[in-house]
Amino acid sequence: MEKINSTASPSPFGQLSKEDQLSWLMEEYGDMVVRLAFTYVKQKQLAEDISQEVFISCWLTSPFSAIACNPNALFINFSYNAVQSISVK
């Protein structure tokens, strides 16, 4: 798997395989999503589980253009929705 420099343009994302796209997303935004989920649930393991759900949901449902346009907002939205779905259960 090719590692993409975080300061580089996100354009190579579209040229990666689906699995490499998911890996790239998790490398670039993983810490942010875990920290955000942790602020809601206050449990490290649960926050990590939520972050996995967030990345998979985002990767399966969002086109690259949506991710590249505003990734922080997209991941915040997916994180909030994932936390809310767990809170309801």
PDB file of N, CA and C in Angstrom:
ATOM      1  N   MET A   1       0.844  -1.171   0.000  1.00  0.00           N
ATOM      2  CA  MET A   1       0.000   0.000   0.000  1.00  0.00           C
ATOM      3  C   MET A   1       0.889   1.234   0.000  1.00  0.00           C
ATOM      4  N   GLU A   2       0.551   2.166  -0.862  1.00  0.00           N
ATOM      5  CA  GLU A   2       1.301   3.399  -0.974  1.00  0.00           C
ATOM      6  C   GLU A   2       0.817   4.391   0.066  1.00  0.00           C
ATOM      7  N   LYS A   3       1.748   4.978   0.806  1.00  0.00           N
ATOM      8  CA  LYS A   3       1.389   5.987   1.796  1.00  0.00           C
ATOM      9  C   LYS A   3       1.379   7.350   1.139  1.00  0.00           C
ATOM     10  N   ILE A   4       0.347   8.103   1.422  1.00  0.00           N
ATOM     11  CA  ILE A   4       0.204   9.432   0.849  1.00  0.00           C
ATOM     12  C   ILE A   4       0.597  10.451   1.900  1.00  0.00           C
ATOM     13  N   ASN A   5       1.432  11.375   1.515  1.00  0.00           N
ATOM     14  CA  ASN A   5       1.865  12.435   2.403  1.00  0.00           C
ATOM     15  C   ASN A   5       0.668  13.303   2.774  1.00  0.00           C
ATOM     16  N   SER A   6       0.471  13.553   4.065  1.00  0.00           N
ATOM     17  CA  SER A   6      -0.704  14.290   4.525  1.00  0.00           C
ATOM     18  C   SER A   6      -0.715  15.738   4.045  1.00  0.00           C
ATOM     19  N   THR A   7       0.431  16.265   3.631  1.00  0.00           N
ATOM     20  CA  THR A   7       0.456  17.633   3.135  1.00  0.00           C
ATOM     21  C   THR A   7       0.181  17.681   1.643  1.00  0.00           C
ATOM     22  N   ALA A   8       0.111  16.540   1.004  1.00  0.00           N
ATOM     23  CA  ALA A   8      -0.140  16.492  -0.432  1.00  0.00           C
ATOM     24  C   ALA A   8      -1.616  16.742  -0.713  1.00  0.00           C
ATOM     25  N   SER A   9      -1.887  17.065  -1.955  1.00  0.00           N
ATOM     26  CA  SER A   9      -3.262  17.238  -2.400  1.00  0.00           C
ATOM     27  C   SER A   9      -4.005  15.917  -2.270  1.00  0.00           C
ATOM     28  N   PRO A  10      -5.293  15.948  -1.926  1.00  0.00           N
ATOM     29  CA  PRO A  10      -6.045  14.707  -1.781  1.00  0.00           C
ATOM     30  C   PRO A  10      -6.352  14.018  -3.097  1.00  0.00           C
ATOM     31  N   SER A  11      -5.960  14.592  -4.238  1.00  0.00           N
ATOM     32  CA  SER A  11      -6.302  14.032  -5.535  1.00  0.00           C
ATOM     33  C   SER A  11      -5.859  12.585  -5.742  1.00  0.00           C
ATOM     34  N   PRO A  12      -4.738  12.094  -5.202  1.00  0.00           N
ATOM     35  CA  PRO A  12      -4.381  10.688  -5.414  1.00  0.00           C
ATOM     36  C   PRO A  12      -5.396   9.716  -4.818  1.00  0.00           C
ATOM     37  N   PHE A  13      -6.227  10.174  -3.900  1.00  0.00           N
ATOM     38  CA  PHE A  13      -7.228   9.325  -3.269  1.00  0.00           C
ATOM     39  C   PHE A  13      -8.064   8.595  -4.309  1.00  0.00           C
ATOM     40  N   GLY A  14      -8.498   9.277  -5.330  1.00  0.00           N
ATOM     41  CA  GLY A  14      -9.337   8.686  -6.362  1.00  0.00           C
ATOM     42  C   GLY A  14      -8.620   7.625  -7.187  1.00  0.00           C
ATOM     43  N   GLN A  15      -7.304   7.616  -7.148  1.00  0.00           N
ATOM     44  CA  GLN A  15      -6.523   6.661  -7.913  1.00  0.00           C
ATOM     45  C   GLN A  15      -6.190   5.410  -7.111  1.00  0.00           C
ATOM     46  N   LEU A  16      -6.519   5.381  -5.844  1.00  0.00           N
ATOM     47  CA  LEU A  16      -6.218   4.240  -4.986  1.00  0.00           C
ATOM     48  C   LEU A  16      -7.327   3.197  -5.072  1.00  0.00           C
ATOM     49  N   SER A  17      -7.003   1.969  -4.707  1.00  0.00           N
ATOM     50  CA  SER A  17      -8.023   0.927  -4.609  1.00  0.00           C
ATOM     51  C   SER A  17      -8.962   1.274  -3.458  1.00  0.00           C
ATOM     52  N   LYS A  18     -10.129   0.657  -3.412  1.00  0.00           N
ATOM     53  CA  LYS A  18     -11.093   0.936  -2.348  1.00  0.00           C
ATOM     54  C   LYS A  18     -10.485   0.672  -0.968  1.00  0.00           C
ATOM     55  N   GLU A  19      -9.735  -0.403  -0.837  1.00  0.00           N
ATOM     56  CA  GLU A  19      -9.131  -0.727   0.458  1.00  0.00           C
ATOM     57  C   GLU A  19      -8.091   0.316   0.852  1.00  0.00           C
ATOM     58  N   ASP A  20      -7.299   0.765  -0.130  1.00  0.00           N
ATOM     59  CA  ASP A  20      -6.297   1.786   0.154  1.00  0.00           C
ATOM     60  C   ASP A  20      -6.949   3.134   0.463  1.00  0.00           C
ATOM     61  N   GLN A  21      -8.098   3.409  -0.149  1.00  0.00           N
ATOM     62  CA  GLN A  21      -8.831   4.632   0.170  1.00  0.00           C
ATOM     63  C   GLN A  21      -9.239   4.634   1.638  1.00  0.00           C
ATOM     64  N   LEU A  22      -9.766   3.504   2.108  1.00  0.00           N
ATOM     65  CA  LEU A  22     -10.174   3.409   3.510  1.00  0.00           C
ATOM     66  C   LEU A  22      -8.967   3.575   4.433  1.00  0.00           C
ATOM     67  N   SER A  23      -7.851   2.941   4.091  1.00  0.00           N
ATOM     68  CA  SER A  23      -6.634   3.080   4.896  1.00  0.00           C
ATOM     69  C   SER A  23      -6.172   4.531   4.941  1.00  0.00           C
ATOM     70  N   TRP A  24      -6.220   5.205   3.795  1.00  0.00           N
ATOM     71  CA  TRP A  24      -5.798   6.595   3.730  1.00  0.00           C
ATOM     72  C   TRP A  24      -6.686   7.471   4.608  1.00  0.00           C
ATOM     73  N   LEU A  25      -8.001   7.262   4.509  1.00  0.00           N
ATOM     74  CA  LEU A  25      -8.932   8.036   5.331  1.00  0.00           C
ATOM     75  C   LEU A  25      -8.651   7.834   6.812  1.00  0.00           C
ATOM     76  N   MET A  26      -8.412   6.594   7.210  1.00  0.00           N
ATOM     77  CA  MET A  26      -8.174   6.304   8.619  1.00  0.00           C
ATOM     78  C   MET A  26      -6.856   6.910   9.094  1.00  0.00           C
ATOM     79  N   GLU A  27      -5.838   6.910   8.244  1.00  0.00           N
ATOM     80  CA  GLU A  27      -4.559   7.529   8.619  1.00  0.00           C
ATOM     81  C   GLU A  27      -4.701   9.040   8.774  1.00  0.00           C
ATOM     82  N   GLU A  28      -5.402   9.653   7.840  1.00  0.00           N
ATOM     83  CA  GLU A  28      -5.527  11.108   7.829  1.00  0.00           C
ATOM     84  C   GLU A  28      -6.436  11.643   8.934  1.00  0.00           C
ATOM     85  N   TYR A  29      -7.527  10.950   9.217  1.00  0.00           N
ATOM     86  CA  TYR A  29      -8.559  11.503  10.088  1.00  0.00           C
ATOM     87  C   TYR A  29      -8.876  10.640  11.308  1.00  0.00           C
ATOM     88  N   GLY A  30      -8.159   9.537  11.483  1.00  0.00           N
ATOM     89  CA  GLY A  30      -8.463   8.602  12.560  1.00  0.00           C
ATOM     90  C   GLY A  30      -8.427   9.203  13.943  1.00  0.00           C
ATOM     91  N   ASP A  31      -7.354   9.906  14.258  1.00  0.00           N
ATOM     92  CA  ASP A  31      -7.231  10.493  15.597  1.00  0.00           C
ATOM     93  C   ASP A  31      -8.343  11.500  15.870  1.00  0.00           C
ATOM     94  N   MET A  32      -8.653  12.311  14.871  1.00  0.00           N
ATOM     95  CA  MET A  32      -9.694  13.320  15.045  1.00  0.00           C
ATOM     96  C   MET A  32     -11.043  12.661  15.345  1.00  0.00           C
ATOM     97  N   VAL A  33     -11.374  11.611  14.598  1.00  0.00           N
ATOM     98  CA  VAL A  33     -12.670  10.961  14.775  1.00  0.00           C
ATOM     99  C   VAL A  33     -12.741  10.262  16.134  1.00  0.00           C
ATOM    100  N   VAL A  34     -11.658   9.606  16.554  1.00  0.00           N
ATOM    101  CA  VAL A  34     -11.649   8.938  17.866  1.00  0.00           C
ATOM    102  C   VAL A  34     -11.802   9.977  18.975  1.00  0.00           C
ATOM    103  N   ARG A  35     -11.072  11.079  18.870  1.00  0.00           N
ATOM    104  CA  ARG A  35     -11.181  12.128  19.899  1.00  0.00           C
ATOM    105  C   ARG A  35     -12.588  12.711  19.954  1.00  0.00           C
ATOM    106  N   LEU A  36     -13.158  12.934  18.792  1.00  0.00           N
ATOM    107  CA  LEU A  36     -14.512  13.473  18.744  1.00  0.00           C
ATOM    108  C   LEU A  36     -15.515  12.504  19.366  1.00  0.00           C
ATOM    109  N   ALA A  37     -15.418  11.240  19.008  1.00  0.00           N
ATOM    110  CA  ALA A  37     -16.327  10.240  19.580  1.00  0.00           C
ATOM    111  C   ALA A  37     -16.118  10.138  21.093  1.00  0.00           C
ATOM    112  N   PHE A  38     -14.865  10.224  21.533  1.00  0.00           N
ATOM    113  CA  PHE A  38     -14.573  10.134  22.963  1.00  0.00           C
ATOM    114  C   PHE A  38     -15.219  11.284  23.729  1.00  0.00           C
ATOM    115  N   THR A  39     -15.286  12.472  23.131  1.00  0.00           N
ATOM    116  CA  THR A  39     -15.919  13.595  23.832  1.00  0.00           C
ATOM    117  C   THR A  39     -17.390  13.315  24.099  1.00  0.00           C
ATOM    118  N   TYR A  40     -18.007  12.483  23.277  1.00  0.00           N
ATOM    119  CA  TYR A  40     -19.413  12.131  23.478  1.00  0.00           C
ATOM    120  C   TYR A  40     -19.595  10.987  24.470  1.00  0.00           C
ATOM    121  N   VAL A  41     -18.782   9.914  24.318  1.00  0.00           N
ATOM    122  CA  VAL A  41     -19.055   8.687  25.071  1.00  0.00           C
ATOM    123  C   VAL A  41     -18.166   8.479  26.291  1.00  0.00           C
ATOM    124  N   LYS A  42     -17.035   9.152  26.366  1.00  0.00           N
ATOM    125  CA  LYS A  42     -16.114   9.075  27.516  1.00  0.00           C
ATOM    126  C   LYS A  42     -15.588   7.664  27.796  1.00  0.00           C
ATOM    127  N   GLN A  43     -15.546   6.819  26.759  1.00  0.00           N
ATOM    128  CA  GLN A  43     -14.987   5.465  26.882  1.00  0.00           C
ATOM    129  C   GLN A  43     -14.111   5.213  25.665  1.00  0.00           C
ATOM    130  N   LYS A  44     -12.824   4.935  25.907  1.00  0.00           N
ATOM    131  CA  LYS A  44     -11.870   4.807  24.810  1.00  0.00           C
ATOM    132  C   LYS A  44     -12.262   3.702  23.827  1.00  0.00           C
ATOM    133  N   GLN A  45     -12.567   2.518  24.311  1.00  0.00           N
ATOM    134  CA  GLN A  45     -12.888   1.399  23.421  1.00  0.00           C
ATOM    135  C   GLN A  45     -14.144   1.692  22.599  1.00  0.00           C
ATOM    136  N   LEU A  46     -15.141   2.249  23.227  1.00  0.00           N
ATOM    137  CA  LEU A  46     -16.365   2.589  22.511  1.00  0.00           C
ATOM    138  C   LEU A  46     -16.092   3.671  21.460  1.00  0.00           C
ATOM    139  N   ALA A  47     -15.250   4.640  21.785  1.00  0.00           N
ATOM    140  CA  ALA A  47     -14.881   5.688  20.830  1.00  0.00           C
ATOM    141  C   ALA A  47     -14.154   5.088  19.628  1.00  0.00           C
ATOM    142  N   GLU A  48     -13.285   4.119  19.860  1.00  0.00           N
ATOM    143  CA  GLU A  48     -12.583   3.454  18.759  1.00  0.00           C
ATOM    144  C   GLU A  48     -13.560   2.655  17.901  1.00  0.00           C
ATOM    145  N   ASP A  49     -14.508   1.982  18.526  1.00  0.00           N
ATOM    146  CA  ASP A  49     -15.528   1.244  17.771  1.00  0.00           C
ATOM    147  C   ASP A  49     -16.365   2.189  16.919  1.00  0.00           C
ATOM    148  N   ILE A  50     -16.730   3.312  17.489  1.00  0.00           N
ATOM    149  CA  ILE A  50     -17.510   4.309  16.757  1.00  0.00           C
ATOM    150  C   ILE A  50     -16.712   4.824  15.564  1.00  0.00           C
ATOM    151  N   SER A  51     -15.414   5.072  15.772  1.00  0.00           N
ATOM    152  CA  SER A  51     -14.604   5.590  14.668  1.00  0.00           C
ATOM    153  C   SER A  51     -14.541   4.593  13.513  1.00  0.00           C
ATOM    154  N   GLN A  52     -14.467   3.308  13.813  1.00  0.00           N
ATOM    155  CA  GLN A  52     -14.482   2.309  12.742  1.00  0.00           C
ATOM    156  C   GLN A  52     -15.801   2.355  11.986  1.00  0.00           C
ATOM    157  N   GLU A  53     -16.888   2.472  12.708  1.00  0.00           N
ATOM    158  CA  GLU A  53     -18.200   2.567  12.074  1.00  0.00           C
ATOM    159  C   GLU A  53     -18.298   3.827  11.210  1.00  0.00           C
ATOM    160  N   VAL A  54     -17.754   4.923  11.696  1.00  0.00           N
ATOM    161  CA  VAL A  54     -17.780   6.181  10.956  1.00  0.00           C
ATOM    162  C   VAL A  54     -17.038   6.036   9.629  1.00  0.00           C
ATOM    163  N   PHE A  55     -15.831   5.481   9.674  1.00  0.00           N
ATOM    164  CA  PHE A  55     -15.048   5.361   8.453  1.00  0.00           C
ATOM    165  C   PHE A  55     -15.703   4.427   7.444  1.00  0.00           C
ATOM    166  N   ILE A  56     -16.208   3.329   7.904  1.00  0.00           N
ATOM    167  CA  ILE A  56     -16.846   2.390   6.984  1.00  0.00           C
ATOM    168  C   ILE A  56     -18.104   3.001   6.383  1.00  0.00           C
ATOM    169  N   SER A  57     -18.909   3.659   7.209  1.00  0.00           N
ATOM    170  CA  SER A  57     -20.124   4.301   6.703  1.00  0.00           C
ATOM    171  C   SER A  57     -19.796   5.383   5.687  1.00  0.00           C
ATOM    172  N   CYS A  58     -18.831   6.204   6.013  1.00  0.00           N
ATOM    173  CA  CYS A  58     -18.439   7.284   5.118  1.00  0.00           C
ATOM    174  C   CYS A  58     -17.902   6.729   3.806  1.00  0.00           C
ATOM    175  N   TRP A  59     -17.057   5.751   3.902  1.00  0.00           N
ATOM    176  CA  TRP A  59     -16.419   5.152   2.731  1.00  0.00           C
ATOM    177  C   TRP A  59     -17.445   4.484   1.819  1.00  0.00           C
ATOM    178  N   LEU A  60     -18.452   3.859   2.410  1.00  0.00           N
ATOM    179  CA  LEU A  60     -19.457   3.159   1.615  1.00  0.00           C
ATOM    180  C   LEU A  60     -20.499   4.093   1.016  1.00  0.00           C
ATOM    181  N   THR A  61     -20.771   5.215   1.664  1.00  0.00           N
ATOM    182  CA  THR A  61     -21.894   6.044   1.228  1.00  0.00           C
ATOM    183  C   THR A  61     -21.517   7.380   0.608  1.00  0.00           C
ATOM    184  N   SER A  62     -20.296   7.845   0.792  1.00  0.00           N
ATOM    185  CA  SER A  62     -19.936   9.174   0.308  1.00  0.00           C
ATOM    186  C   SER A  62     -18.994   9.089  -0.890  1.00  0.00           C
ATOM    187  N   PRO A  63     -19.316   9.840  -1.941  1.00  0.00           N
ATOM    188  CA  PRO A  63     -18.384   9.895  -3.072  1.00  0.00           C
ATOM    189  C   PRO A  63     -17.135  10.673  -2.668  1.00  0.00           C
ATOM    190  N   PHE A  64     -16.044  10.437  -3.377  1.00  0.00           N
ATOM    191  CA  PHE A  64     -14.795  11.122  -3.061  1.00  0.00           C
ATOM    192  C   PHE A  64     -14.964  12.634  -3.070  1.00  0.00           C
ATOM    193  N   SER A  65     -15.770  13.158  -3.981  1.00  0.00           N
ATOM    194  CA  SER A  65     -15.934  14.609  -4.065  1.00  0.00           C
ATOM    195  C   SER A  65     -16.464  15.186  -2.750  1.00  0.00           C
ATOM    196  N   ALA A  66     -17.347  14.457  -2.069  1.00  0.00           N
ATOM    197  CA  ALA A  66     -17.877  14.921  -0.777  1.00  0.00           C
ATOM    198  C   ALA A  66     -16.805  14.865   0.300  1.00  0.00           C
ATOM    199  N   ILE A  67     -15.987  13.832   0.275  1.00  0.00           N
ATOM    200  CA  ILE A  67     -14.913  13.693   1.267  1.00  0.00           C
ATOM    201  C   ILE A  67     -13.861  14.776   1.040  1.00  0.00           C
ATOM    202  N   ALA A  68     -13.475  14.998  -0.212  1.00  0.00           N
ATOM    203  CA  ALA A  68     -12.427  15.966  -0.522  1.00  0.00           C
ATOM    204  C   ALA A  68     -12.877  17.398  -0.284  1.00  0.00           C
ATOM    205  N   CYS A  69     -14.152  17.670  -0.476  1.00  0.00           N
ATOM    206  CA  CYS A  69     -14.669  19.026  -0.356  1.00  0.00           C
ATOM    207  C   CYS A  69     -14.544  19.559   1.068  1.00  0.00           C
ATOM    208  N   ASN A  70     -14.990  18.795   2.042  1.00  0.00           N
ATOM    209  CA  ASN A  70     -14.933  19.243   3.431  1.00  0.00           C
ATOM    210  C   ASN A  70     -14.880  18.023   4.351  1.00  0.00           C
ATOM    211  N   PRO A  71     -13.718  17.363   4.426  1.00  0.00           N
ATOM    212  CA  PRO A  71     -13.635  16.118   5.202  1.00  0.00           C
ATOM    213  C   PRO A  71     -13.948  16.293   6.681  1.00  0.00           C
ATOM    214  N   ASN A  72     -13.517  17.396   7.288  1.00  0.00           N
ATOM    215  CA  ASN A  72     -13.781  17.581   8.715  1.00  0.00           C
ATOM    216  C   ASN A  72     -15.271  17.621   9.003  1.00  0.00           C
ATOM    217  N   ALA A  73     -16.010  18.384   8.223  1.00  0.00           N
ATOM    218  CA  ALA A  73     -17.455  18.471   8.435  1.00  0.00           C
ATOM    219  C   ALA A  73     -18.119  17.122   8.196  1.00  0.00           C
ATOM    220  N   LEU A  74     -17.675  16.418   7.175  1.00  0.00           N
ATOM    221  CA  LEU A  74     -18.251  15.115   6.871  1.00  0.00           C
ATOM    222  C   LEU A  74     -18.032  14.139   8.020  1.00  0.00           C
ATOM    223  N   PHE A  75     -16.807  14.068   8.541  1.00  0.00           N
ATOM    224  CA  PHE A  75     -16.524  13.135   9.625  1.00  0.00           C
ATOM    225  C   PHE A  75     -17.197  13.547  10.924  1.00  0.00           C
ATOM    226  N   ILE A  76     -17.319  14.831  11.165  1.00  0.00           N
ATOM    227  CA  ILE A  76     -18.039  15.286  12.358  1.00  0.00           C
ATOM    228  C   ILE A  76     -19.497  14.850  12.269  1.00  0.00           C
ATOM    229  N   ASN A  77     -20.100  15.029  11.119  1.00  0.00           N
ATOM    230  CA  ASN A  77     -21.487  14.626  10.922  1.00  0.00           C
ATOM    231  C   ASN A  77     -21.659  13.118  11.096  1.00  0.00           C
ATOM    232  N   PHE A  78     -20.805  12.334  10.454  1.00  0.00           N
ATOM    233  CA  PHE A  78     -20.897  10.884  10.592  1.00  0.00           C
ATOM    234  C   PHE A  78     -20.652  10.444  12.037  1.00  0.00           C
ATOM    235  N   SER A  79     -19.712  11.096  12.727  1.00  0.00           N
ATOM    236  CA  SER A  79     -19.425  10.739  14.124  1.00  0.00           C
ATOM    237  C   SER A  79     -20.622  11.025  15.010  1.00  0.00           C
ATOM    238  N   TYR A  80     -21.207  12.192  14.842  1.00  0.00           N
ATOM    239  CA  TYR A  80     -22.375  12.563  15.641  1.00  0.00           C
ATOM    240  C   TYR A  80     -23.514  11.570  15.408  1.00  0.00           C
ATOM    241  N   ASN A  81     -23.767  11.223  14.157  1.00  0.00           N
ATOM    242  CA  ASN A  81     -24.833  10.270  13.845  1.00  0.00           C
ATOM    243  C   ASN A  81     -24.547   8.897  14.435  1.00  0.00           C
ATOM    244  N   ALA A  82     -23.291   8.459  14.399  1.00  0.00           N
ATOM    245  CA  ALA A  82     -22.945   7.155  14.958  1.00  0.00           C
ATOM    246  C   ALA A  82     -23.140   7.137  16.467  1.00  0.00           C
ATOM    247  N   VAL A  83     -22.738   8.209  17.135  1.00  0.00           N
ATOM    248  CA  VAL A  83     -22.921   8.307  18.590  1.00  0.00           C
ATOM    249  C   VAL A  83     -24.405   8.318  18.918  1.00  0.00           C
ATOM    250  N   GLN A  84     -25.173   9.065  18.154  1.00  0.00           N
ATOM    251  CA  GLN A  84     -26.618   9.125  18.413  1.00  0.00           C
ATOM    252  C   GLN A  84     -27.269   7.763  18.222  1.00  0.00           C
ATOM    253  N   SER A  85     -26.863   7.007  17.236  1.00  0.00           N
ATOM    254  CA  SER A  85     -27.466   5.687  17.011  1.00  0.00           C
ATOM    255  C   SER A  85     -27.107   4.740  18.134  1.00  0.00           C
ATOM    256  N   ILE A  86     -25.934   4.873  18.710  1.00  0.00           N
ATOM    257  CA  ILE A  86     -25.540   4.017  19.840  1.00  0.00           C
ATOM    258  C   ILE A  86     -26.294   4.455  21.095  1.00  0.00           C
ATOM    259  N   SER A  87     -26.492   5.747  21.275  1.00  0.00           N
ATOM    260  CA  SER A  87     -27.197   6.257  22.458  1.00  0.00           C
ATOM    261  C   SER A  87     -28.642   5.820  22.500  1.00  0.00           C
ATOM    262  N   VAL A  88     -29.239   5.653  21.334  1.00  0.00           N
ATOM    263  CA  VAL A  88     -30.650   5.279  21.250  1.00  0.00           C
ATOM    264  C   VAL A  88     -30.842   3.821  21.637  1.00  0.00           C
ATOM    265  N   LYS A  89     -29.858   2.989  21.377  1.00  0.00           N
ATOM    266  CA  LYS A  89     -29.988   1.538  21.628  1.00  0.00           C
ATOM    267  C   LYS A  89     -30.081   1.223  23.084  1.00  0.00           C
TER     268      LYS A  89
END
